[in-house]
Amino acid sequence: MKRKALFGLIICLSACEKPHHVPTTRPTADFRKAEAFFSQQKNDSAFYYFDKAAISSKDSLEIAMSYNYMASIQTDAGDHFGAQESLTTSLAYLNDREIKNRYCLASDYNELGMTSSRLENYDNAVSYLDSALKFCDDKDYSLTVINNKANVYRRKGAYAEALHLYGQILPTTSKSKKEFPRILSNMAYTKWLANRTYNAAPELRKALNLRLALKDDWGSNASYGHLADYYETARPDSSLFFATAMYRTALKLNSPDDQASALRRLILLNPGENAKKYFERYYKLNDSLQTARNAAKNQFALIRYNVDKAKVENLRLQKDNAEKKYQLIRQSILFYGSVLAFIIISAFALFWYRKRRKQQEVDKQNAIAETNQKASKKVHDTLANDIYRIMKRVQQEPVLDRSWLEDNIDEVYQRARDLSYEILTDPDEFYAEKIDDLIMGFETDDVKIILIGNEKEFWQKLPVTFKSELKYVLQELMVNMQKHSKALNVVVKFKVTPEHHLINYIDDGVGFPPDHSPNNGLQNTGNRIKTINSEITFASTPGSGLEIQIEIPVA
């Protein structure tokens, strides 16, 4: 599929273009990473990081640009309604009175116009393109938007309005080697649609020859389509020639949409067996195209699952930040009159903080020592004597009952394993990375796992016992997913709120059947959650995936 880049100047069959890219002053790491994935045509990864940038960035222009990019990816996947939602969200972050926003505003409205046209909402498309023209500061891009508007009128059947616009911009493109043949071909094609007796062949062929001379494959592909339509009734053999040329060019460009368009023409123009051959190609192509687009839409929906809550939280944080700034302004006014008191209080607070940290460290070491002492006593009381008893019997009896030995050793093993759970040491500062390795270890070629929010800050305030239990809980959930869920996509999200630490698990597997009863693994999971005074909830509809939320109270 032909790629569309935000504000990148490209030409496609319908001659739709975007303005030059205008980067933010300091793009975030997520935004830069998203652009890199986008340029490599890794849509799902690009969409994820643009969505992440849109949520975390403090730059309204970067947020708007992220949603514009996401709309472009959704359009490529055939999700036009999703693209419109992303574009309207982008507009909400743009102030039309700021000059720096005008490029993104023009692109948003232009994209809304083209998306509405694809959905056959032609009146809305014209209105959006008129809005785009209000924010076009670049003359060449203004011509592009006018051309897009003329194309909408042509699809609507308003040929007089379309020809008026083509005639308005054609003279201004005479010096542009690429723009002139594009407008010339569109205008001649529209004249023919308006009057089927009009001789459009000279202009259409002229446009094609200019494009061939420029080696403009995308433009040539559009001209082949126009000529194939023009000759369909009067000269079917010529129409077949140009339809074949369009199909070959579409294959070269790796454009499934243009391949499908060319195949539809070839099916109509070819007799019997040849038509059947092309129909089989069209059927396979259309089926694979729809499958790929549906899969992409489902993937985007999974990535953005529950994102509305994060957006609300982001808006609340913005409000809190505004209030904090107001408080800082008030404090700065009082600062010069109370600097001495501030220094004294700061010094006292620093002394108290260091003393408290030191005491906490001592308490922590004492707790570890006490735990180890209790563990040593339990090892002696519960294991050492039994091991000694088994050893003596092995030494004394020449013929030993094998089943007795296996049962007794298994009993000692079970008690030793249970005891090991009680001997906990504080995980190191790389605990988040360990959890990352644990969860991502279940990813396969068929199962894609997305991990969100697994940062050091999530784990550092949790007690040692909580961390250990949560690790086994997550492991059990991933094992259950791999054995039973048949999921293709899994999202595990970590989040800290003022009241709770939250862990959300979401997959698109088969879910629980109506008569489901928890297996041993899930029962153990529930028991572990109860031991750390936390709550776990399951939400599942058969065939619609599974959602699990774990709420850990903030200490």
Protein backbone atom coordinates (compact mmCIF):
# COMPACT_ATOMS: atom_id res chain seq x y z
CA MET A 1 0.00 0.00 0.00
CA LYS A 2 1.26 3.44 -0.84
CA ARG A 3 2.37 5.29 2.29
CA LYS A 4 1.01 8.69 3.33
CA ALA A 5 3.16 10.83 5.64
CA LEU A 6 1.92 13.75 7.71
CA PHE A 7 2.46 16.89 5.70
CA GLY A 8 4.48 14.87 3.13
CA LEU A 9 3.97 15.85 -0.50
CA ILE A 10 2.67 12.74 -2.35
CA ILE A 11 0.45 11.98 -5.35
CA CYS A 12 -2.06 9.14 -5.58
CA LEU A 13 -4.80 8.12 -7.96
CA SER A 14 -7.22 10.73 -6.67
CA ALA A 15 -4.42 13.33 -6.51
CA CYS A 16 -4.77 13.88 -2.75
CA GLU A 17 -1.80 15.53 -1.03
CA LYS A 18 -0.72 16.79 2.37
CA PRO A 19 1.35 19.86 3.35
CA HIS A 20 5.03 19.92 4.22
CA HIS A 21 5.91 18.41 7.57
CA VAL A 22 6.47 20.95 10.35
CA PRO A 23 8.04 19.31 13.44
CA THR A 24 7.41 20.41 16.98
CA THR A 25 10.14 22.36 18.77
CA ARG A 26 11.24 19.45 20.94
CA PRO A 27 9.46 16.21 20.01
CA THR A 28 9.24 13.61 22.75
CA ALA A 29 11.06 10.29 22.59
CA ASP A 30 7.75 8.49 21.95
CA PHE A 31 6.96 10.80 19.03
CA ARG A 32 10.42 10.31 17.47
CA LYS A 33 10.15 6.56 17.89
CA ALA A 34 6.68 6.59 16.30
CA GLU A 35 7.96 8.53 13.27
CA ALA A 36 10.79 6.01 12.85
CA PHE A 37 8.33 3.08 12.86
CA PHE A 38 6.04 5.01 10.50
CA SER A 39 8.85 5.54 7.98
CA GLN A 40 9.59 1.78 8.17
CA GLN A 41 5.89 1.04 7.46
CA LYS A 42 5.47 -0.72 10.83
CA ASN A 43 1.97 0.58 11.36
CA ASP A 44 0.99 -1.15 14.59
CA SER A 45 4.13 -0.05 16.43
CA ALA A 46 3.86 3.47 14.99
CA PHE A 47 0.20 3.71 16.04
CA TYR A 48 1.04 2.56 19.57
CA TYR A 49 3.77 5.17 20.09
CA PHE A 50 1.77 7.99 18.48
CA ASP A 51 -1.08 7.11 20.86
CA LYS A 52 1.38 7.10 23.76
CA ALA A 53 2.81 10.46 22.69
CA ALA A 54 -0.71 11.90 22.40
CA ILE A 55 -1.46 10.90 25.98
CA SER A 56 1.87 11.84 27.62
CA SER A 57 3.02 14.91 25.67
CA LYS A 58 2.55 18.39 27.13
CA ASP A 59 2.87 20.03 23.69
CA SER A 60 -0.60 20.54 22.20
CA LEU A 61 0.81 20.71 18.66
CA GLU A 62 2.63 17.40 19.10
CA ILE A 63 -0.58 15.84 20.43
CA ALA A 64 -2.50 17.13 17.40
CA MET A 65 0.17 15.87 15.02
CA SER A 66 0.11 12.44 16.71
CA TYR A 67 -3.63 12.14 16.11
CA ASN A 68 -3.12 13.29 12.50
CA TYR A 69 -0.57 10.51 12.00
CA MET A 70 -2.92 7.96 13.60
CA ALA A 71 -5.69 9.06 11.23
CA SER A 72 -3.36 8.47 8.29
CA ILE A 73 -2.60 4.94 9.52
CA GLN A 74 -6.30 4.24 10.07
CA THR A 75 -7.11 5.46 6.56
CA ASP A 76 -4.49 3.11 5.12
CA ALA A 77 -6.20 0.28 7.02
CA GLY A 78 -9.60 1.25 5.59
CA ASP A 79 -10.88 2.47 8.96
CA HIS A 80 -12.33 5.77 7.70
CA PHE A 81 -14.64 6.33 10.66
CA GLY A 82 -11.77 5.78 13.07
CA ALA A 83 -9.69 8.23 11.03
CA GLN A 84 -12.40 10.89 11.31
CA GLU A 85 -12.49 10.43 15.09
CA SER A 86 -8.71 10.89 15.32
CA LEU A 87 -8.81 13.99 13.09
CA THR A 88 -11.56 15.69 15.12
CA THR A 89 -9.56 14.93 18.27
CA SER A 90 -6.51 16.52 16.63
CA LEU A 91 -8.51 19.69 15.91
CA ALA A 92 -9.50 19.95 19.59
CA TYR A 93 -5.84 20.54 20.51
CA LEU A 94 -5.23 23.30 17.95
CA ASN A 95 -5.76 27.03 18.47
CA ASP A 96 -6.57 28.50 15.06
CA ARG A 97 -5.18 31.88 16.16
CA GLU A 98 -1.63 30.52 16.53
CA ILE A 99 0.45 30.59 13.35
CA LYS A 100 2.41 27.45 14.24
CA ASN A 101 -0.83 25.45 14.19
CA ARG A 102 -1.97 26.46 10.70
CA TYR A 103 -0.13 23.65 8.87
CA CYS A 104 -1.67 20.96 11.06
CA LEU A 105 -5.11 22.61 10.80
CA ALA A 106 -4.87 22.59 7.01
CA SER A 107 -3.85 18.94 7.01
CA ASP A 108 -6.62 17.91 9.44
CA TYR A 109 -9.35 19.59 7.39
CA ASN A 110 -7.91 18.28 4.12
CA GLU A 111 -7.84 14.74 5.51
CA LEU A 112 -11.38 15.10 6.83
CA GLY A 113 -12.45 16.21 3.36
CA MET A 114 -10.82 13.24 1.65
CA THR A 115 -12.12 10.76 4.25
CA SER A 116 -15.66 12.15 3.93
CA SER A 117 -15.37 11.82 0.16
CA ARG A 118 -14.39 8.15 0.49
CA LEU A 119 -17.48 7.68 2.67
CA GLU A 120 -19.55 9.49 -0.03
CA ASN A 121 -20.41 12.39 2.30
CA TYR A 122 -19.65 14.87 -0.45
CA ASP A 123 -21.28 17.97 1.08
CA ASN A 124 -19.27 17.52 4.28
CA ALA A 125 -16.14 16.90 2.21
CA VAL A 126 -16.54 20.23 0.39
CA SER A 127 -17.10 22.07 3.69
CA TYR A 128 -13.95 20.54 5.22
CA LEU A 129 -11.84 21.40 2.18
CA ASP A 130 -13.09 25.00 2.31
CA SER A 131 -11.87 25.10 5.91
CA ALA A 132 -8.51 23.69 4.82
CA LEU A 133 -8.11 26.52 2.31
CA LYS A 134 -8.52 29.09 5.11
CA PHE A 135 -5.35 27.79 6.77
CA CYS A 136 -3.23 27.21 3.65
CA ASP A 137 -0.25 29.57 3.69
CA ASP A 138 1.57 27.65 0.95
CA LYS A 139 0.42 28.48 -2.59
CA ASP A 140 1.27 25.07 -4.01
CA TYR A 141 -0.61 23.29 -1.26
CA SER A 142 -3.62 25.56 -1.81
CA LEU A 143 -3.71 24.34 -5.42
CA THR A 144 -3.65 20.77 -4.12
CA VAL A 145 -6.63 21.37 -1.83
CA ILE A 146 -8.55 23.03 -4.69
CA ASN A 147 -7.80 20.01 -6.87
CA ASN A 148 -9.07 17.72 -4.10
CA LYS A 149 -12.24 19.82 -3.89
CA ALA A 150 -12.73 19.54 -7.66
CA ASN A 151 -12.31 15.76 -7.37
CA VAL A 152 -15.08 15.68 -4.77
CA TYR A 153 -17.40 17.59 -7.10
CA ARG A 154 -16.55 15.16 -9.88
CA ARG A 155 -17.41 12.13 -7.73
CA LYS A 156 -20.60 13.87 -6.67
CA GLY A 157 -21.54 14.37 -10.33
CA ALA A 158 -21.36 18.17 -10.09
CA TYR A 159 -19.20 18.39 -13.22
CA ALA A 160 -19.72 22.12 -13.85
CA GLU A 161 -18.39 23.03 -10.39
CA ALA A 162 -15.47 20.62 -10.81
CA LEU A 163 -14.53 22.03 -14.24
CA HIS A 164 -14.70 25.58 -12.89
CA LEU A 165 -12.11 24.71 -10.22
CA TYR A 166 -9.86 22.76 -12.62
CA GLY A 167 -9.97 25.70 -15.04
CA GLN A 168 -9.07 28.06 -12.20
CA ILE A 169 -5.87 26.24 -11.21
CA LEU A 170 -4.69 24.75 -14.53
CA PRO A 171 -3.00 27.96 -15.81
CA THR A 172 -1.08 28.37 -12.54
CA THR A 173 0.47 24.91 -12.90
CA SER A 174 1.87 25.35 -16.42
CA LYS A 175 5.43 25.62 -15.07
CA SER A 176 5.11 22.58 -12.82
CA LYS A 177 6.18 19.40 -14.59
CA LYS A 178 4.26 17.17 -12.19
CA GLU A 179 1.24 19.30 -11.33
CA PHE A 180 0.29 20.35 -14.87
CA PRO A 181 -0.33 16.83 -16.28
CA ARG A 182 -2.24 15.89 -13.11
CA ILE A 183 -4.70 18.79 -13.43
CA LEU A 184 -4.86 18.38 -17.22
CA SER A 185 -5.81 14.69 -16.94
CA ASN A 186 -8.39 15.32 -14.20
CA MET A 187 -9.96 18.15 -16.19
CA ALA A 188 -10.14 16.23 -19.49
CA TYR A 189 -11.58 13.18 -17.72
CA THR A 190 -14.26 15.34 -16.06
CA LYS A 191 -15.16 17.01 -19.38
CA TRP A 192 -15.73 13.57 -20.85
CA LEU A 193 -17.87 12.49 -17.87
CA ALA A 194 -19.98 15.61 -18.34
CA ASN A 195 -20.31 15.09 -22.12
CA ARG A 196 -19.62 11.58 -23.43
CA THR A 197 -19.18 12.96 -26.96
CA TYR A 198 -16.26 15.15 -25.89
CA ASN A 199 -12.94 14.15 -27.48
CA ALA A 200 -10.73 13.88 -24.38
CA ALA A 201 -8.16 11.58 -25.99
CA PRO A 202 -5.57 14.25 -27.01
CA GLU A 203 -5.47 15.81 -23.54
CA LEU A 204 -5.48 12.47 -21.72
CA ARG A 205 -2.66 11.12 -23.91
CA LYS A 206 -0.68 14.34 -23.52
CA ALA A 207 -0.93 14.07 -19.74
CA LEU A 208 0.16 10.41 -19.89
CA ASN A 209 3.18 11.16 -22.11
CA LEU A 210 4.31 13.95 -19.77
CA ARG A 211 4.05 11.62 -16.81
CA LEU A 212 5.92 8.84 -18.59
CA ALA A 213 8.69 11.29 -19.46
CA LEU A 214 8.96 12.23 -15.78
CA LYS A 215 8.91 8.53 -14.79
CA ASP A 216 6.00 9.41 -12.52
CA ASP A 217 4.60 5.91 -11.93
CA TRP A 218 1.77 7.03 -9.64
CA GLY A 219 0.69 9.72 -12.10
CA SER A 220 0.97 7.32 -15.05
CA ASN A 221 -1.17 4.83 -13.16
CA ALA A 222 -3.92 7.46 -12.79
CA SER A 223 -3.71 8.32 -16.51
CA TYR A 224 -4.00 4.65 -17.48
CA GLY A 225 -7.21 4.46 -15.45
CA HIS A 226 -8.68 7.55 -17.12
CA LEU A 227 -7.85 6.27 -20.60
CA ALA A 228 -9.20 2.80 -19.88
CA ASP A 229 -12.54 4.33 -18.85
CA TYR A 230 -12.58 6.71 -21.81
CA TYR A 231 -12.08 3.97 -24.44
CA GLU A 232 -14.26 1.33 -22.75
CA THR A 233 -17.28 1.73 -25.10
CA ALA A 234 -15.81 3.22 -28.25
CA ARG A 235 -12.58 1.22 -28.50
CA PRO A 236 -12.57 -1.78 -26.14
CA ASP A 237 -9.20 -2.99 -27.44
CA SER A 238 -7.56 0.31 -26.44
CA SER A 239 -9.37 0.23 -23.12
CA LEU A 240 -7.99 -3.28 -22.52
CA PHE A 241 -4.48 -2.08 -23.39
CA PHE A 242 -4.59 0.74 -20.85
CA ALA A 243 -6.26 -1.40 -18.17
CA THR A 244 -3.45 -3.95 -18.60
CA ALA A 245 -0.85 -1.18 -18.34
CA MET A 246 -2.55 0.08 -15.18
CA TYR A 247 -2.47 -3.42 -13.64
CA ARG A 248 1.25 -3.86 -14.42
CA THR A 249 2.06 -0.44 -12.96
CA ALA A 250 0.00 -1.18 -9.83
CA LEU A 251 1.95 -4.41 -9.36
CA LYS A 252 5.20 -2.47 -9.69
CA LEU A 253 4.01 0.07 -7.12
CA ASN A 254 2.74 -2.69 -4.81
CA SER A 255 -0.61 -0.87 -4.53
CA PRO A 256 -3.40 -3.40 -3.76
CA ASP A 257 -6.15 -0.79 -4.20
CA ASP A 258 -4.97 0.16 -7.71
CA GLN A 259 -4.49 -3.53 -8.57
CA ALA A 260 -8.11 -4.19 -7.59
CA SER A 261 -9.30 -1.20 -9.67
CA ALA A 262 -7.38 -2.44 -12.72
CA LEU A 263 -8.62 -6.02 -12.28
CA ARG A 264 -12.24 -4.85 -12.19
CA ARG A 265 -11.69 -3.23 -15.61
CA LEU A 266 -9.91 -6.32 -16.98
CA ILE A 267 -12.78 -8.58 -15.89
CA LEU A 268 -15.26 -6.45 -17.86
CA LEU A 269 -13.06 -6.11 -20.95
CA ASN A 270 -11.79 -9.68 -21.37
CA PRO A 271 -13.71 -12.59 -22.91
CA GLY A 272 -14.53 -15.89 -21.14
CA GLU A 273 -11.43 -17.66 -19.84
CA ASN A 274 -9.31 -14.52 -19.47
CA ALA A 275 -12.08 -12.83 -17.51
CA LYS A 276 -12.27 -15.87 -15.24
CA LYS A 277 -8.51 -15.72 -14.66
CA TYR A 278 -8.67 -12.05 -13.71
CA PHE A 279 -11.74 -12.63 -11.52
CA GLU A 280 -9.86 -15.27 -9.53
CA ARG A 281 -6.99 -12.82 -8.99
CA TYR A 282 -9.42 -10.09 -7.99
CA TYR A 283 -11.25 -12.38 -5.56
CA LYS A 284 -8.01 -13.46 -3.83
CA LEU A 285 -6.67 -9.90 -3.72
CA ASN A 286 -9.90 -8.44 -2.37
CA ASP A 287 -10.20 -11.17 0.25
CA SER A 288 -6.61 -10.72 1.47
CA LEU A 289 -7.01 -6.93 1.43
CA GLN A 290 -10.17 -7.04 3.56
CA THR A 291 -8.61 -9.56 5.95
CA ALA A 292 -5.52 -7.39 6.41
CA ARG A 293 -7.59 -4.25 6.97
CA ASN A 294 -9.92 -5.92 9.44
CA ALA A 295 -6.94 -7.30 11.36
CA ALA A 296 -5.37 -3.83 11.43
CA LYS A 297 -8.59 -2.21 12.68
CA ASN A 298 -8.88 -4.82 15.44
CA GLN A 299 -5.26 -4.22 16.40
CA PHE A 300 -5.78 -0.46 16.61
CA ALA A 301 -8.91 -0.97 18.69
CA LEU A 302 -7.01 -3.17 21.12
CA ILE A 303 -4.19 -0.65 21.47
CA ARG A 304 -6.65 2.14 22.21
CA TYR A 305 -8.75 -0.01 24.52
CA ASN A 306 -9.56 1.94 27.70
CA VAL A 307 -7.64 4.96 26.36
CA ASP A 308 -10.55 7.30 27.15
CA LYS A 309 -9.89 6.86 30.86
CA ALA A 310 -6.27 7.83 30.33
CA LYS A 311 -7.36 10.92 28.39
CA VAL A 312 -9.66 12.02 31.21
CA GLU A 313 -6.84 11.51 33.67
CA ASN A 314 -4.53 13.53 31.44
CA LEU A 315 -7.01 16.43 31.36
CA ARG A 316 -7.34 16.29 35.12
CA LEU A 317 -3.57 16.41 35.48
CA GLN A 318 -3.44 19.42 33.14
CA LYS A 319 -5.95 21.17 35.38
CA ASP A 320 -3.90 20.27 38.45
CA ASN A 321 -0.76 21.58 36.78
CA ALA A 322 -2.49 24.89 36.01
CA GLU A 323 -3.50 25.23 39.65
CA LYS A 324 0.03 24.39 40.75
CA LYS A 325 1.43 27.07 38.46
CA TYR A 326 -0.94 29.58 40.02
CA GLN A 327 0.25 28.60 43.48
CA LEU A 328 3.88 28.90 42.38
CA ILE A 329 3.24 32.46 41.19
CA ARG A 330 1.80 33.37 44.58
CA GLN A 331 4.69 31.73 46.37
CA SER A 332 7.24 33.56 44.26
CA ILE A 333 5.72 36.91 45.37
CA LEU A 334 6.16 35.96 49.02
CA PHE A 335 9.52 34.31 48.52
CA TYR A 336 11.77 37.35 48.92
CA GLY A 337 10.15 38.28 52.26
CA SER A 338 10.45 34.78 53.72
CA VAL A 339 13.70 33.42 52.29
CA LEU A 340 15.37 32.99 55.69
CA ALA A 341 12.46 31.06 57.16
CA PHE A 342 12.37 28.92 54.03
CA ILE A 343 16.06 28.02 54.38
CA ILE A 344 15.65 27.10 58.04
CA ILE A 345 12.59 24.96 57.36
CA SER A 346 14.31 23.30 54.39
CA ALA A 347 17.36 22.47 56.46
CA PHE A 348 15.20 21.01 59.24
CA ALA A 349 13.16 19.01 56.70
CA LEU A 350 16.33 17.66 55.08
CA PHE A 351 17.71 16.61 58.48
CA TRP A 352 14.44 14.92 59.40
CA TYR A 353 14.21 13.21 56.02
CA ARG A 354 17.73 11.78 56.23
CA LYS A 355 17.15 10.60 59.77
CA ARG A 356 13.87 8.98 58.75
CA ARG A 357 15.50 7.27 55.76
CA LYS A 358 18.25 5.95 57.97
CA GLN A 359 15.73 4.60 60.50
CA GLN A 360 13.72 3.00 57.73
CA GLU A 361 16.84 1.27 56.44
CA VAL A 362 17.66 -0.01 59.94
CA ASP A 363 14.08 -1.28 60.35
CA LYS A 364 14.30 -2.95 56.99
CA GLN A 365 17.53 -4.75 57.83
CA ASN A 366 16.12 -5.81 61.19
CA ALA A 367 13.03 -7.19 59.48
CA ILE A 368 15.17 -9.16 57.03
CA ALA A 369 17.31 -10.52 59.86
CA GLU A 370 14.22 -11.51 61.82
CA THR A 371 12.75 -13.23 58.75
CA ASN A 372 15.97 -15.15 58.16
CA GLN A 373 16.12 -16.18 61.82
CA LYS A 374 12.53 -17.45 61.72
CA ALA A 375 13.25 -19.23 58.44
CA SER A 376 16.30 -20.94 59.93
CA LYS A 377 14.26 -22.11 62.90
CA LYS A 378 11.52 -23.44 60.61
CA VAL A 379 14.09 -25.26 58.49
CA HIS A 380 15.43 -26.96 61.61
CA ASP A 381 12.05 -27.67 63.17
CA THR A 382 10.20 -28.83 60.05
CA LEU A 383 12.84 -30.27 57.74
CA ALA A 384 16.10 -31.24 59.46
CA ASN A 385 14.63 -33.90 61.78
CA ASP A 386 12.59 -35.51 59.00
CA ILE A 387 15.60 -35.62 56.69
CA TYR A 388 17.68 -37.18 59.49
CA ARG A 389 14.92 -39.79 60.10
CA ILE A 390 14.86 -40.74 56.41
CA MET A 391 18.67 -41.00 56.30
CA LYS A 392 18.78 -43.33 59.32
CA ARG A 393 16.17 -45.64 57.83
CA VAL A 394 18.05 -45.77 54.53
CA GLN A 395 21.24 -46.71 56.42
CA GLN A 396 19.60 -49.35 58.63
CA GLU A 397 17.26 -51.20 56.24
CA PRO A 398 18.99 -53.21 53.48
CA VAL A 399 15.72 -53.49 51.53
CA LEU A 400 13.78 -50.24 51.61
CA ASP A 401 10.16 -49.75 50.57
CA ARG A 402 10.47 -47.50 47.46
CA SER A 403 6.94 -46.09 47.74
CA TRP A 404 7.57 -45.13 51.40
CA LEU A 405 10.76 -43.34 50.39
CA GLU A 406 9.07 -41.47 47.51
CA ASP A 407 6.14 -40.35 49.70
CA ASN A 408 8.38 -39.09 52.49
CA ILE A 409 10.78 -37.26 50.17
CA ASP A 410 7.82 -35.65 48.33
CA GLU A 411 6.36 -34.51 51.66
CA VAL A 412 9.71 -32.93 52.63
CA TYR A 413 9.93 -31.28 49.19
CA GLN A 414 6.44 -29.77 49.49
CA ARG A 415 7.21 -28.31 52.91
CA ALA A 416 10.56 -26.98 51.66
CA ARG A 417 8.86 -25.27 48.70
CA ASP A 418 6.22 -23.67 50.92
CA LEU A 419 8.94 -22.50 53.25
CA SER A 420 10.88 -20.95 50.35
CA TYR A 421 7.90 -18.71 49.60
CA GLU A 422 8.21 -17.26 53.09
CA ILE A 423 11.92 -16.40 52.71
CA LEU A 424 11.78 -13.19 50.71
CA THR A 425 14.47 -10.65 50.01
CA ASP A 426 13.79 -7.23 48.63
CA PRO A 427 13.97 -7.29 44.77
CA ASP A 428 16.64 -5.12 43.29
CA GLU A 429 16.04 -1.86 41.45
CA PHE A 430 15.66 -3.72 38.16
CA TYR A 431 12.44 -5.43 39.22
CA ALA A 432 10.47 -3.78 36.40
CA GLU A 433 12.87 -5.28 33.87
CA LYS A 434 12.39 -8.73 35.44
CA ILE A 435 8.61 -8.40 35.12
CA ASP A 436 9.11 -7.24 31.51
CA ASP A 437 11.19 -10.36 30.76
CA LEU A 438 8.63 -12.60 32.50
CA ILE A 439 5.64 -11.29 30.52
CA MET A 440 7.33 -10.79 27.13
CA GLY A 441 8.70 -14.34 27.40
CA PHE A 442 5.22 -15.53 26.45
CA GLU A 443 5.19 -13.61 23.14
CA THR A 444 5.31 -15.79 20.01
CA ASP A 445 4.98 -15.32 16.26
CA ASP A 446 1.21 -15.76 16.70
CA VAL A 447 0.69 -13.92 19.99
CA LYS A 448 1.56 -10.21 20.21
CA ILE A 449 2.00 -8.73 23.70
CA ILE A 450 1.96 -4.99 24.49
CA LEU A 451 3.31 -3.90 27.88
CA ILE A 452 2.34 -0.42 29.13
CA GLY A 453 3.45 1.45 32.25
CA ASN A 454 5.80 -1.21 33.68
CA GLU A 455 8.19 1.35 35.16
CA LYS A 456 10.42 1.44 38.22
CA GLU A 457 8.06 3.92 39.91
CA PHE A 458 5.22 1.37 39.92
CA TRP A 459 7.18 -1.19 41.98
CA GLN A 460 9.43 0.85 44.26
CA LYS A 461 6.75 1.69 46.86
CA LEU A 462 5.23 -1.80 47.07
CA PRO A 463 6.16 -4.06 50.01
CA VAL A 464 8.45 -7.01 49.30
CA THR A 465 5.69 -9.57 49.87
CA PHE A 466 3.40 -7.72 47.46
CA LYS A 467 6.02 -7.77 44.70
CA SER A 468 6.63 -11.48 45.11
CA GLU A 469 2.93 -12.41 45.10
CA LEU A 470 2.20 -10.16 42.11
CA LYS A 471 5.02 -11.79 40.17
CA TYR A 472 3.45 -15.24 40.63
CA VAL A 473 -0.01 -13.84 39.84
CA LEU A 474 1.21 -12.36 36.53
CA GLN A 475 2.99 -15.58 35.70
CA GLU A 476 -0.19 -17.58 36.31
CA LEU A 477 -2.25 -15.19 34.12
CA MET A 478 0.21 -15.52 31.22
CA VAL A 479 0.33 -19.33 31.57
CA ASN A 480 -3.49 -19.43 31.57
CA MET A 481 -3.51 -17.19 28.45
CA GLN A 482 -1.06 -19.46 26.63
CA LYS A 483 -2.88 -22.69 27.55
CA HIS A 484 -6.53 -21.74 27.22
CA SER A 485 -7.33 -18.31 25.75
CA LYS A 486 -6.32 -18.73 22.05
CA ALA A 487 -5.61 -14.98 22.13
CA LEU A 488 -3.68 -13.24 19.35
CA ASN A 489 -3.23 -9.89 21.12
CA VAL A 490 -2.58 -9.22 24.80
CA VAL A 491 -2.22 -5.90 26.63
CA VAL A 492 -0.87 -5.69 30.20
CA LYS A 493 -1.09 -2.17 31.65
CA PHE A 494 0.37 -0.88 34.93
CA LYS A 495 -0.90 2.36 36.45
CA VAL A 496 -0.54 4.25 39.73
CA THR A 497 -3.40 6.35 41.10
CA PRO A 498 -3.62 8.22 44.43
CA GLU A 499 -5.61 5.33 45.94
CA HIS A 500 -4.37 2.19 44.15
CA HIS A 501 -1.75 0.46 42.10
CA LEU A 502 -3.69 -0.98 39.13
CA ILE A 503 -2.81 -3.87 36.82
CA ASN A 504 -5.08 -4.43 33.80
CA TYR A 505 -4.83 -7.59 31.70
CA ILE A 506 -6.75 -7.64 28.38
CA ASP A 507 -6.79 -10.24 25.59
CA ASP A 508 -8.90 -10.95 22.52
CA GLY A 509 -9.18 -14.69 23.14
CA VAL A 510 -12.19 -16.96 23.61
CA GLY A 511 -13.01 -15.69 27.11
CA PHE A 512 -14.71 -17.80 29.80
CA PRO A 513 -17.64 -20.09 28.93
CA PRO A 514 -20.95 -19.36 30.76
CA ASP A 515 -20.52 -22.35 33.09
CA HIS A 516 -16.88 -21.60 33.85
CA SER A 517 -15.44 -22.53 37.24
CA PRO A 518 -11.90 -21.42 38.17
CA ASN A 519 -9.14 -23.98 37.76
CA ASN A 520 -6.42 -24.55 40.35
CA GLY A 521 -4.21 -21.87 38.83
CA LEU A 522 -6.88 -19.15 38.98
CA GLN A 523 -7.90 -20.25 42.50
CA ASN A 524 -4.29 -19.89 43.59
CA THR A 525 -4.23 -16.48 41.93
CA GLY A 526 -7.28 -15.38 43.91
CA ASN A 527 -5.75 -16.67 47.14
CA ARG A 528 -2.51 -14.79 46.53
CA ILE A 529 -4.43 -11.56 45.86
CA LYS A 530 -6.32 -11.97 49.15
CA THR A 531 -3.07 -12.45 51.11
CA ILE A 532 -1.93 -8.95 50.10
CA ASN A 533 -5.34 -7.37 50.88
CA SER A 534 -6.01 -6.66 47.22
CA GLU A 535 -8.92 -7.26 44.83
CA ILE A 536 -9.13 -9.03 41.48
CA THR A 537 -12.08 -8.82 39.08
CA PHE A 538 -12.77 -10.80 35.91
CA ALA A 539 -14.87 -9.51 32.99
CA SER A 540 -15.52 -11.90 30.12
CA THR A 541 -18.06 -12.63 27.41
CA PRO A 542 -17.65 -15.94 25.55
CA GLY A 543 -15.82 -15.30 22.30
CA SER A 544 -15.07 -11.63 23.14
CA GLY A 545 -11.87 -11.91 25.12
CA LEU A 546 -11.03 -11.50 28.78
CA GLU A 547 -10.31 -8.46 30.98
CA ILE A 548 -8.82 -8.77 34.45
CA GLN A 549 -8.20 -5.86 36.85
CA ILE A 550 -6.10 -6.10 40.00
CA GLU A 551 -6.37 -3.28 42.57
CA ILE A 552 -3.55 -3.05 45.12
CA PRO A 553 -4.16 -0.50 47.89
CA VAL A 554 -1.54 2.23 48.31
CA ALA A 555 0.31 1.75 51.58
